[in-house]
């Protein structure tokens, strides 16, 4: 027997629960937010949460799904507006959008929650990562690299996209999450993205000479 399609009223209630939970997670922290807190403000019930999300952890990952999709669409829309096919312009635009996202209080708070999930030994995060690869921003770069004339970029699109994103994000994001290092300012973000983009492009050129 197939599950029933949620009614518009039910979907609206779920969105309200997620909106309230997100606000509480960001202000009070994940561990300091209880289901009763969420229910009290959202007007939902334990039954609503258990039937739609199973538990607080399931609710968090549903919110994380939404956030990842939003980030993916934001970056993708900015890349789509670039009329030039020059790789340096694509990388710089991608980098600015990507770094800006990871320097928001929301992303830093989510990072703290994700780290806590890792250290709890729970396998839910591992499963979530496996099931949500399509919503990760590096896929945008993979597609861009595969359209380039450079054979080295095309052949190594996946690895290079992963590497570029790591270079943009680390170690700053981990330090923001683990040590409460302040996020980078706009100027710092621009300088960082320019450095990483230039370094990456020069490395690609050199690698292309060695591995034509």
Protein backbone atom coordinates (compact mmCIF):
# COMPACT_ATOMS: atom_id res chain seq x y z
CA UNK A 1 0.00 0.00 0.00
CA UNK A 2 1.56 3.31 -1.13
CA UNK A 3 1.86 6.15 1.41
CA UNK A 4 -0.77 8.88 1.26
CA UNK A 5 0.13 12.12 -0.45
CA UNK A 6 0.26 14.87 2.21
CA UNK A 7 -2.51 17.45 1.95
CA UNK A 8 -1.65 21.14 1.37
CA UNK A 9 -2.56 21.81 5.00
CA UNK A 10 -0.22 19.04 6.17
CA UNK A 11 2.62 20.34 3.97
CA UNK A 12 2.11 23.87 5.27
CA UNK A 13 2.29 22.56 8.84
CA UNK A 14 5.55 20.70 8.06
CA UNK A 15 7.07 23.87 6.58
CA UNK A 16 6.06 25.81 9.68
CA UNK A 17 7.67 23.18 11.91
CA UNK A 18 10.88 23.30 9.85
CA UNK A 19 10.98 27.11 9.90
CA UNK A 20 10.56 27.21 13.68
CA UNK A 21 13.07 24.41 14.23
CA UNK A 22 15.65 26.15 12.03
CA UNK A 23 15.29 29.39 13.98
CA UNK A 24 15.64 27.58 17.30
CA UNK A 25 18.62 25.51 16.15
CA UNK A 26 20.37 28.71 15.06
CA UNK A 27 19.59 30.69 18.22
CA UNK A 28 19.56 28.07 20.99
CA UNK A 29 21.69 25.37 19.40
CA UNK A 30 20.69 21.89 18.32
CA UNK A 31 21.20 20.14 21.65
CA UNK A 32 19.48 22.88 23.63
CA UNK A 33 16.38 22.75 21.44
CA UNK A 34 13.74 20.21 22.40
CA UNK A 35 10.81 18.93 20.40
CA UNK A 36 8.52 20.53 22.97
CA UNK A 37 10.16 23.92 22.22
CA UNK A 38 9.44 23.44 18.52
CA UNK A 39 5.88 22.28 19.11
CA UNK A 40 5.09 25.14 21.46
CA UNK A 41 6.03 27.80 18.89
CA UNK A 42 5.00 26.06 15.66
CA UNK A 43 1.61 24.87 16.87
CA UNK A 44 2.39 21.36 15.67
CA UNK A 45 2.35 18.17 17.68
CA UNK A 46 4.58 15.20 18.47
CA UNK A 47 2.45 13.18 16.04
CA UNK A 48 3.13 15.71 13.26
CA UNK A 49 6.88 15.51 13.86
CA UNK A 50 7.08 11.74 14.28
CA UNK A 51 4.99 11.03 11.18
CA UNK A 52 6.83 13.50 8.93
CA UNK A 53 10.40 13.48 10.31
CA UNK A 54 10.60 10.51 12.74
CA UNK A 55 12.52 12.50 15.39
CA UNK A 56 14.53 15.68 16.00
CA UNK A 57 17.49 14.35 14.08
CA UNK A 58 15.29 13.54 11.08
CA UNK A 59 13.86 17.05 11.28
CA UNK A 60 17.36 18.55 11.27
CA UNK A 61 18.38 16.59 8.18
CA UNK A 62 15.21 17.62 6.35
CA UNK A 63 16.16 21.23 7.08
CA UNK A 64 19.71 20.53 5.92
CA UNK A 65 18.28 19.15 2.66
CA UNK A 66 16.45 22.44 2.11
CA UNK A 67 19.53 24.52 2.93
CA UNK A 68 21.75 22.51 0.57
CA UNK A 69 19.27 22.82 -2.28
CA UNK A 70 18.99 26.56 -1.65
CA UNK A 71 22.77 26.98 -1.71
CA UNK A 72 23.08 24.88 -4.85
CA UNK A 73 20.43 26.92 -6.66
CA UNK A 74 21.98 30.21 -5.52
CA UNK A 75 25.42 29.33 -6.88
CA UNK A 76 24.04 27.70 -10.02
CA UNK A 77 21.95 30.76 -10.87
CA UNK A 78 24.98 33.05 -10.53
CA UNK A 79 27.12 30.82 -12.73
CA UNK A 80 24.32 30.64 -15.33
CA UNK A 81 24.38 34.45 -15.62
CA UNK A 82 28.03 34.45 -16.70
CA UNK A 83 28.06 34.93 -20.47
CA UNK A 84 31.78 34.39 -20.78
CA UNK A 85 33.19 30.86 -21.00
CA UNK A 86 36.52 31.94 -19.52
CA UNK A 87 37.46 29.57 -16.73
CA UNK A 88 39.00 32.27 -14.55
CA UNK A 89 35.72 34.20 -14.49
CA UNK A 90 33.71 31.06 -13.75
CA UNK A 91 36.01 30.02 -10.91
CA UNK A 92 36.05 33.49 -9.36
CA UNK A 93 32.26 33.86 -9.50
CA UNK A 94 31.74 30.35 -8.11
CA UNK A 95 34.35 30.96 -5.42
CA UNK A 96 32.79 34.21 -4.22
CA UNK A 97 29.34 32.63 -3.91
CA UNK A 98 30.69 29.49 -2.27
CA UNK A 99 32.88 31.29 0.28
CA UNK A 100 30.14 33.80 1.10
CA UNK A 101 27.78 30.94 1.99
CA UNK A 102 30.29 29.30 4.34
CA UNK A 103 30.96 32.61 6.09
CA UNK A 104 27.37 33.06 7.26
CA UNK A 105 26.33 32.43 10.89
CA UNK A 106 23.85 29.85 9.60
CA UNK A 107 26.53 27.76 7.87
CA UNK A 108 28.84 27.98 10.88
CA UNK A 109 26.07 26.84 13.22
CA UNK A 110 25.17 23.98 10.89
CA UNK A 111 28.84 23.05 10.84
CA UNK A 112 28.85 22.79 14.63
CA UNK A 113 25.79 20.54 14.56
CA UNK A 114 27.29 18.34 11.84
CA UNK A 115 30.54 17.96 13.76
CA UNK A 116 28.53 16.92 16.82
CA UNK A 117 26.78 14.28 14.70
CA UNK A 118 30.14 12.95 13.51
CA UNK A 119 31.52 12.60 17.02
CA UNK A 120 28.33 10.97 18.30
CA UNK A 121 29.12 7.93 16.18
CA UNK A 122 25.69 8.04 14.53
CA UNK A 123 25.70 6.79 10.92
CA UNK A 124 22.80 9.01 9.85
CA UNK A 125 25.16 11.72 8.61
CA UNK A 126 27.05 9.22 6.44
CA UNK A 127 23.80 8.08 4.85
CA UNK A 128 22.67 11.66 4.36
CA UNK A 129 25.89 12.53 2.52
CA UNK A 130 25.52 9.50 0.24
CA UNK A 131 21.92 10.38 -0.58
CA UNK A 132 22.45 14.10 -1.18
CA UNK A 133 25.53 14.26 -3.40
CA UNK A 134 23.45 15.76 -6.22
CA UNK A 135 22.78 18.88 -4.13
CA UNK A 136 26.44 19.60 -3.36
CA UNK A 137 27.92 22.65 -5.07
CA UNK A 138 30.94 20.84 -6.50
CA UNK A 139 28.61 19.29 -9.10
CA UNK A 140 28.25 22.73 -10.69
CA UNK A 141 32.01 22.86 -11.20
CA UNK A 142 32.13 19.31 -12.51
CA UNK A 143 29.76 20.31 -15.30
CA UNK A 144 31.79 23.45 -16.03
CA UNK A 145 35.05 21.51 -16.19
CA UNK A 146 33.57 18.87 -18.48
CA UNK A 147 32.70 21.60 -21.00
CA UNK A 148 36.28 22.91 -21.17
CA UNK A 149 38.68 22.19 -24.05
CA UNK A 150 41.47 21.33 -21.62
CA UNK A 151 41.72 17.51 -21.64
CA UNK A 152 43.21 17.39 -18.15
CA UNK A 153 40.22 19.30 -16.73
CA UNK A 154 37.72 17.12 -18.52
CA UNK A 155 39.34 13.84 -17.49
CA UNK A 156 39.72 14.87 -13.84
CA UNK A 157 36.60 17.03 -13.45
CA UNK A 158 35.29 15.31 -10.32
CA UNK A 159 38.57 15.33 -8.39
CA UNK A 160 39.44 18.88 -9.39
CA UNK A 161 35.99 20.19 -8.43
CA UNK A 162 36.30 18.55 -5.02
CA UNK A 163 39.78 19.97 -4.56
CA UNK A 164 38.79 23.51 -5.54
CA UNK A 165 35.89 23.51 -3.06
CA UNK A 166 38.13 22.23 -0.26
CA UNK A 167 40.72 24.92 -1.03
CA UNK A 168 38.00 27.57 -0.84
CA UNK A 169 36.49 26.31 2.38
CA UNK A 170 39.39 25.12 4.50
CA UNK A 171 40.87 25.69 6.97
CA UNK A 172 38.69 28.74 7.59
CA UNK A 173 35.32 27.03 7.93
CA UNK A 174 36.63 24.36 10.31
CA UNK A 175 38.30 27.06 12.43
CA UNK A 176 35.05 29.07 12.45
CA UNK A 177 33.20 25.97 13.66
CA UNK A 178 35.72 24.57 16.12
CA UNK A 179 37.39 27.67 17.55
CA UNK A 180 34.81 30.42 16.98
CA UNK A 181 37.21 32.26 14.67
CA UNK A 182 35.27 35.23 13.22
CA UNK A 183 34.07 34.82 9.62
CA UNK A 184 36.09 36.48 6.90
CA UNK A 185 35.09 40.00 5.87
CA UNK A 186 34.01 40.67 2.28
CA UNK A 187 37.48 41.96 1.42
CA UNK A 188 39.13 38.91 2.97
CA UNK A 189 36.78 36.65 1.06
CA UNK A 190 37.62 38.38 -2.23
CA UNK A 191 41.37 38.13 -1.60
CA UNK A 192 41.08 34.47 -0.60
CA UNK A 193 39.01 33.54 -3.66
CA UNK A 194 41.39 35.41 -5.98
CA UNK A 195 44.41 33.64 -4.48
CA UNK A 196 42.80 30.17 -4.66
CA UNK A 197 41.50 30.73 -8.20
CA UNK A 198 44.89 31.96 -9.48
CA UNK A 199 46.75 29.13 -7.75
CA UNK A 200 44.29 26.56 -9.09
CA UNK A 201 44.51 27.84 -12.67
CA UNK A 202 48.31 27.94 -12.62
CA UNK A 203 48.39 24.42 -11.22
CA UNK A 204 46.08 23.21 -13.99
CA UNK A 205 48.36 24.75 -16.61
CA UNK A 206 51.42 23.07 -15.14
CA UNK A 207 49.64 19.74 -14.71
CA UNK A 208 48.50 19.95 -18.34
CA UNK A 209 52.13 20.16 -19.44
CA UNK A 210 53.02 17.04 -17.46
CA UNK A 211 49.82 15.13 -18.25
CA UNK A 212 48.78 16.35 -21.71
